Amino acid sequence: MGHPAASGLSAGTDLVPVLAVASGKGGVGKTTVAVNLALGLQALGLTVGLVDADLYGPDAAHMLGLRRRNMTRSITLFAARGHASSRLEVARQHGLQLASAAFLMGESQGLGVQAGIAQLLVRRLIADADWEDLDCLVVDLPPGSADIQQFVFALAGRRVHVLLVVTPQVVAHRDAHRLITELDRHGAVIAGGVENMASLTCPSCGATSELFVPAPPEESIWGTVPLLASIPFSGVGAHEADNGLPVFVTNTVPEQVSAYKSLARQVAALLRAPD
């Protein structure tokens, strides 16, 4: 089976701008940023769809308190228009609309598929979901720059903006540089970057300390990518996310919520800007 075309998306969403949340490496908190940013955009009055496109670790659904425990035996890639299985049901949680790879299989099942099939599955999540009156799509990508990312970066007929997520450490910045080089080959535009786990505030004394030694200026992406938000780490916030409660909903870590609100305002202004 050949690779799917980057067009052919449904008429109801083909003009909706896409914000792809990406990272050069895993473990930087990309999904946490995607979920809370989507909630921040929704709080500003936008109707937001969140696509959980990390087929190999679809955690956005879990962070929103949604799980599928039942095992699946087959996944539909295509169905004739009008057929009962031609559309994907969209989950709704905290005002967000969500299409997730986590709903296509049981939570203990892995998904080992070839690149073309992976692209078809992501296309289905974006194009065949029953979105309703969206203002934007936030797409949580797998880390790196492989086939799924290539498909989303090259979506035809859409404005695709990419938000890069890094931690301060040098390896995160080095891998982000690789992703930036790859983006230069596509029409996607880098919206800016988020520095996640930027610091840690002691819950007892309030002192702030660095979690990582920051990347030196010659290795950092901030010389070319606008820094839109710096988000501190919180053990409380991480624990709540593990239990399906995003910090933007619980509001238990005000410094994180404030950073996400600022990020959402900047992204909303970018998405609303004329081409």
Foldseek 3Di string as FASTA:
>chain_A
DDADDLEPFAPVPLAAAEEEEEFLDPDLCSLLLLLLLQLLLVVVPFAEEEEQLALFCSQNCVLQVHAAADFDDDADLADPPPDPPHADEWDDGSRHTYQYSRVRGHPPDGDDDDLRSSCSVSSRSRGRYPDDPGNHYYYYYDYRCDRNNVSLLARPSHAYEYEYEAEQALVRLQSVVVVVVVSVVHPHHHLFYEHEQQWDADPPPRDIGGPYDGHPPVRHPVVPGPHQFYAHDDPVQVVSSSNNHHCCRVVPDVRRVVRSNSSSVSVVVVSPDDD
